[in-house]
């Protein structure tokens, strides 16, 4: 028995996904493996059969995450495919229409899980006092307004085909215009969440709006530092193909 990180009750904990498994679906090969690039070993990567897990939440809270946050996002994003694929051109901006609460609460649930995780992959995510605030938001299922934890995103596309790149990467922390922000890549998008005690006006203008509308521009995958690091890790082990993606 241990304390659940969401409800804080002493319960039997389940081996919980930090990022839901359905976001890894497109990464598996015919053997049910996906590549985890870590720069370690004689190949620079290791095969995985599941996304990373940790014993964090009880059965009740796992069902809460699944029913309230994961299933709605699965249907409205992963299955609905609201973004154009391939992208028209790198200069284009596409607006999507979705459910504000579904997008907002799902991303906050991933952010919270990453913050309470002790896995090295999520070491850059530490929310401080905001961790308790977001825990209560998730437990009560009360969606904050657009001024709290605003979300901005841009599609990640292949530099030639302009097709969406479906990968899952380790989150990073950064400072944007004086605001602490966390970036995750999943679902074909690099999602930025601003975690700050004062308003992030740039995210409010360019990010998710309370009517569910959200503008997206596209970024070529090979322009992102995290992919350059992955390529360097493979190159250092002699396994980098001309076009790894």
Protein backbone atom coordinates (compact mmCIF):
# COMPACT_ATOMS: atom_id res chain seq x y z
CA UNK A 1 0.00 0.00 0.00
CA UNK A 2 1.17 3.52 -0.79
CA UNK A 3 -0.29 6.97 -1.17
CA UNK A 4 -1.91 7.68 -4.52
CA UNK A 5 -0.47 10.83 -6.06
CA UNK A 6 -3.89 12.08 -7.17
CA UNK A 7 -6.40 11.32 -4.40
CA UNK A 8 -3.75 11.05 -1.63
CA UNK A 9 -5.43 7.95 -0.18
CA UNK A 10 -3.45 4.90 0.90
CA UNK A 11 -4.20 2.38 -1.83
CA UNK A 12 -2.74 -0.37 -3.95
CA UNK A 13 -1.08 1.44 -6.84
CA UNK A 14 -1.21 0.50 -10.49
CA UNK A 15 1.64 0.65 -12.97
CA UNK A 16 0.49 3.85 -14.65
CA UNK A 17 1.34 5.33 -18.03
CA UNK A 18 2.64 8.88 -17.84
CA UNK A 19 1.71 9.55 -21.46
CA UNK A 20 -1.31 7.41 -22.47
CA UNK A 21 -0.56 4.33 -24.53
CA UNK A 22 -2.81 5.30 -27.46
CA UNK A 23 -0.36 8.10 -28.33
CA UNK A 24 2.30 5.47 -29.02
CA UNK A 25 0.13 3.39 -31.38
CA UNK A 26 1.65 4.72 -34.61
CA UNK A 27 5.21 4.13 -33.37
CA UNK A 28 5.14 0.33 -33.18
CA UNK A 29 6.66 -1.86 -35.87
CA UNK A 30 5.36 -5.23 -37.05
CA UNK A 31 6.96 -6.90 -34.02
CA UNK A 32 5.20 -4.60 -31.59
CA UNK A 33 8.38 -2.68 -30.77
CA UNK A 34 9.24 1.00 -30.97
CA UNK A 35 12.61 2.72 -30.87
CA UNK A 36 13.68 4.58 -27.74
CA UNK A 37 16.74 6.67 -28.64
CA UNK A 38 18.97 7.13 -25.60
CA UNK A 39 22.52 7.12 -26.99
CA UNK A 40 23.37 4.09 -24.82
CA UNK A 41 24.70 0.71 -25.88
CA UNK A 42 26.17 -0.40 -29.20
CA UNK A 43 23.20 0.87 -31.22
CA UNK A 44 22.30 4.11 -29.46
CA UNK A 45 18.70 3.01 -28.92
CA UNK A 46 16.66 0.28 -27.31
CA UNK A 47 13.40 -1.39 -28.38
CA UNK A 48 10.34 -0.83 -26.18
CA UNK A 49 7.00 -2.62 -26.13
CA UNK A 50 5.15 0.02 -24.08
CA UNK A 51 5.34 3.65 -23.16
CA UNK A 52 7.00 4.36 -19.83
CA UNK A 53 5.12 3.42 -16.67
CA UNK A 54 5.41 3.96 -12.94
CA UNK A 55 3.41 2.98 -9.85
CA UNK A 56 1.66 6.27 -9.11
CA UNK A 57 -2.15 6.01 -8.98
CA UNK A 58 -4.85 3.81 -7.51
CA UNK A 59 -7.54 2.01 -9.54
CA UNK A 60 -10.12 4.74 -8.93
CA UNK A 61 -7.80 7.50 -10.10
CA UNK A 62 -6.66 5.49 -13.10
CA UNK A 63 -10.34 5.20 -14.12
CA UNK A 64 -10.75 8.92 -13.52
CA UNK A 65 -7.87 9.73 -15.86
CA UNK A 66 -9.18 7.26 -18.43
CA UNK A 67 -12.87 8.25 -18.40
CA UNK A 68 -12.60 12.00 -17.88
CA UNK A 69 -9.46 12.92 -19.77
CA UNK A 70 -8.04 10.16 -21.98
CA UNK A 71 -11.13 8.81 -23.77
CA UNK A 72 -12.43 12.27 -24.77
CA UNK A 73 -9.01 13.29 -26.14
CA UNK A 74 -8.65 9.95 -27.93
CA UNK A 75 -11.94 10.51 -29.76
CA UNK A 76 -11.59 14.24 -30.43
CA UNK A 77 -7.92 14.28 -31.36
CA UNK A 78 -6.23 10.94 -32.02
CA UNK A 79 -9.21 9.44 -33.86
CA UNK A 80 -10.71 12.62 -35.33
CA UNK A 81 -7.39 13.79 -36.88
CA UNK A 82 -8.34 17.49 -36.97
CA UNK A 83 -5.07 18.68 -38.52
CA UNK A 84 -4.43 18.53 -42.28
CA UNK A 85 -2.05 15.74 -43.25
CA UNK A 86 0.02 16.48 -45.24
CA UNK A 87 0.32 20.17 -44.37
CA UNK A 88 -0.30 22.53 -47.28
CA UNK A 89 2.95 24.48 -46.84
CA UNK A 90 5.15 25.58 -43.94
CA UNK A 91 3.80 29.12 -44.08
CA UNK A 92 0.16 28.08 -43.71
CA UNK A 93 -1.86 28.51 -40.53
CA UNK A 94 -4.76 26.13 -39.93
CA UNK A 95 -7.50 26.67 -37.36
CA UNK A 96 -9.10 23.69 -35.67
CA UNK A 97 -12.36 23.54 -33.77
CA UNK A 98 -12.47 21.26 -30.77
CA UNK A 99 -13.76 21.06 -27.21
CA UNK A 100 -11.85 23.49 -24.98
CA UNK A 101 -12.23 21.40 -21.83
CA UNK A 102 -11.20 18.16 -23.53
CA UNK A 103 -7.92 19.61 -24.83
CA UNK A 104 -7.14 21.65 -21.73
CA UNK A 105 -7.78 18.94 -19.16
CA UNK A 106 -6.00 16.21 -21.09
CA UNK A 107 -2.79 18.22 -21.40
CA UNK A 108 -2.94 19.21 -17.73
CA UNK A 109 -3.36 15.54 -16.80
CA UNK A 110 -0.20 14.62 -18.75
CA UNK A 111 1.67 17.56 -17.23
CA UNK A 112 0.68 16.51 -13.71
CA UNK A 113 1.66 12.88 -14.26
CA UNK A 114 5.04 13.96 -15.60
CA UNK A 115 5.59 16.19 -12.58
CA UNK A 116 4.93 13.47 -9.99
CA UNK A 117 6.93 10.87 -11.93
CA UNK A 118 10.43 9.94 -10.78
CA UNK A 119 11.42 8.52 -14.17
CA UNK A 120 14.48 10.17 -15.81
CA UNK A 121 12.50 10.89 -18.98
CA UNK A 122 10.33 13.39 -17.09
CA UNK A 123 13.03 14.94 -14.91
CA UNK A 124 12.62 18.41 -16.41
CA UNK A 125 8.99 18.66 -15.32
CA UNK A 126 8.68 20.02 -11.79
CA UNK A 127 5.64 22.18 -11.11
CA UNK A 128 6.37 23.35 -7.56
CA UNK A 129 3.30 24.88 -5.94
CA UNK A 130 1.36 24.48 -9.19
CA UNK A 131 1.47 20.71 -8.79
CA UNK A 132 -1.04 20.84 -5.94
CA UNK A 133 -3.23 23.34 -7.80
CA UNK A 134 -3.38 21.13 -10.88
CA UNK A 135 -3.96 18.02 -8.74
CA UNK A 136 -7.12 19.63 -7.32
CA UNK A 137 -8.22 20.76 -10.79
CA UNK A 138 -7.98 17.18 -12.05
CA UNK A 139 -9.55 15.60 -8.99
CA UNK A 140 -12.52 17.98 -9.08
CA UNK A 141 -12.75 17.99 -12.89
CA UNK A 142 -13.10 21.78 -12.92
CA UNK A 143 -11.53 23.24 -16.04
CA UNK A 144 -9.56 26.49 -15.57
CA UNK A 145 -10.18 29.45 -17.86
CA UNK A 146 -7.92 30.36 -20.77
CA UNK A 147 -5.82 32.68 -18.61
CA UNK A 148 -4.69 29.83 -16.35
CA UNK A 149 -2.17 27.39 -17.81
CA UNK A 150 -2.69 28.52 -21.42
CA UNK A 151 -1.75 26.05 -24.15
CA UNK A 152 -0.03 26.73 -27.45
CA UNK A 153 0.87 24.16 -30.10
CA UNK A 154 2.48 23.73 -33.49
CA UNK A 155 2.33 20.76 -35.83
CA UNK A 156 5.55 18.80 -36.35
CA UNK A 157 5.93 17.79 -40.00
CA UNK A 158 8.44 16.04 -42.24
CA UNK A 159 10.69 18.53 -44.03
CA UNK A 160 9.93 17.07 -47.48
CA UNK A 161 6.55 15.31 -47.46
CA UNK A 162 5.03 17.76 -44.91
CA UNK A 163 3.27 14.80 -43.31
CA UNK A 164 2.73 14.89 -39.56
CA UNK A 165 5.49 13.26 -37.51
CA UNK A 166 4.00 10.95 -34.88
CA UNK A 167 6.56 10.57 -32.13
CA UNK A 168 6.59 10.87 -28.36
CA UNK A 169 9.53 12.74 -26.87
CA UNK A 170 10.76 13.58 -23.41
CA UNK A 171 9.32 16.89 -22.18
CA UNK A 172 11.52 19.94 -21.81
CA UNK A 173 11.31 23.05 -19.67
CA UNK A 174 11.96 26.50 -21.08
CA UNK A 175 11.45 30.19 -20.41
CA UNK A 176 9.34 32.05 -22.96
CA UNK A 177 8.90 35.78 -22.45
CA UNK A 178 9.62 35.32 -18.74
CA UNK A 179 7.09 32.49 -18.29
CA UNK A 180 8.03 28.95 -17.31
CA UNK A 181 6.75 26.61 -20.00
CA UNK A 182 6.82 22.88 -20.62
CA UNK A 183 6.84 21.26 -24.06
CA UNK A 184 5.69 17.75 -24.97
CA UNK A 185 5.54 16.18 -28.42
CA UNK A 186 2.72 13.71 -29.06
CA UNK A 187 -0.24 13.43 -31.39
CA UNK A 188 1.69 15.12 -34.22
CA UNK A 189 2.06 18.36 -32.24
CA UNK A 190 4.56 20.04 -29.98
CA UNK A 191 2.36 21.25 -27.12
CA UNK A 192 3.53 24.09 -24.88
CA UNK A 193 1.88 24.66 -21.50
CA UNK A 194 2.60 27.90 -19.65
CA UNK A 195 2.87 27.49 -15.88
CA UNK A 196 3.04 30.92 -14.35
CA UNK A 197 1.47 33.07 -11.66
CA UNK A 198 0.89 35.90 -14.12
CA UNK A 199 -0.82 35.98 -17.48
CA UNK A 200 0.97 34.85 -20.62
CA UNK A 201 -0.59 37.16 -23.18
CA UNK A 202 1.25 35.62 -26.13
CA UNK A 203 -0.16 32.18 -25.41
CA UNK A 204 -3.64 33.62 -24.93
CA UNK A 205 -3.56 35.22 -28.38
CA UNK A 206 -1.95 32.34 -30.30
CA UNK A 207 -3.14 29.34 -28.29
CA UNK A 208 -6.29 27.44 -27.31
CA UNK A 209 -9.38 29.63 -26.90
CA UNK A 210 -12.40 28.98 -24.71
CA UNK A 211 -14.65 28.56 -27.75
CA UNK A 212 -12.49 25.55 -28.71
CA UNK A 213 -10.74 27.22 -31.62
CA UNK A 214 -6.97 26.98 -31.91
CA UNK A 215 -4.54 28.14 -34.61
CA UNK A 216 -1.68 25.88 -35.70
CA UNK A 217 1.36 26.55 -37.81
CA UNK A 218 3.86 23.85 -38.75
CA UNK A 219 7.51 23.30 -37.86
CA UNK A 220 9.83 20.98 -39.77
CA UNK A 221 10.97 18.15 -37.49
CA UNK A 222 14.66 18.57 -38.40
CA UNK A 223 14.61 22.15 -37.08
CA UNK A 224 13.80 21.01 -33.55
CA UNK A 225 16.68 20.54 -31.14
CA UNK A 226 15.32 17.35 -29.63
CA UNK A 227 15.40 15.58 -33.01
CA UNK A 228 18.89 16.90 -33.71
CA UNK A 229 20.02 15.40 -30.39
CA UNK A 230 18.42 12.06 -31.31
CA UNK A 231 20.16 12.07 -34.70
CA UNK A 232 23.49 12.84 -33.01
CA UNK A 233 22.96 9.93 -30.58
CA UNK A 234 22.41 7.52 -33.47
CA UNK A 235 25.19 9.02 -35.58
CA UNK A 236 27.62 8.45 -32.73
CA UNK A 237 26.83 4.73 -32.91
CA UNK A 238 27.05 4.43 -36.70
CA UNK A 239 23.34 3.66 -37.09
CA UNK A 240 22.00 6.90 -38.49
CA UNK A 241 20.29 6.46 -41.83
CA UNK A 242 20.24 9.31 -44.33
CA UNK A 243 16.66 10.03 -43.28
CA UNK A 244 15.85 8.42 -39.90
CA UNK A 245 12.21 9.39 -40.10
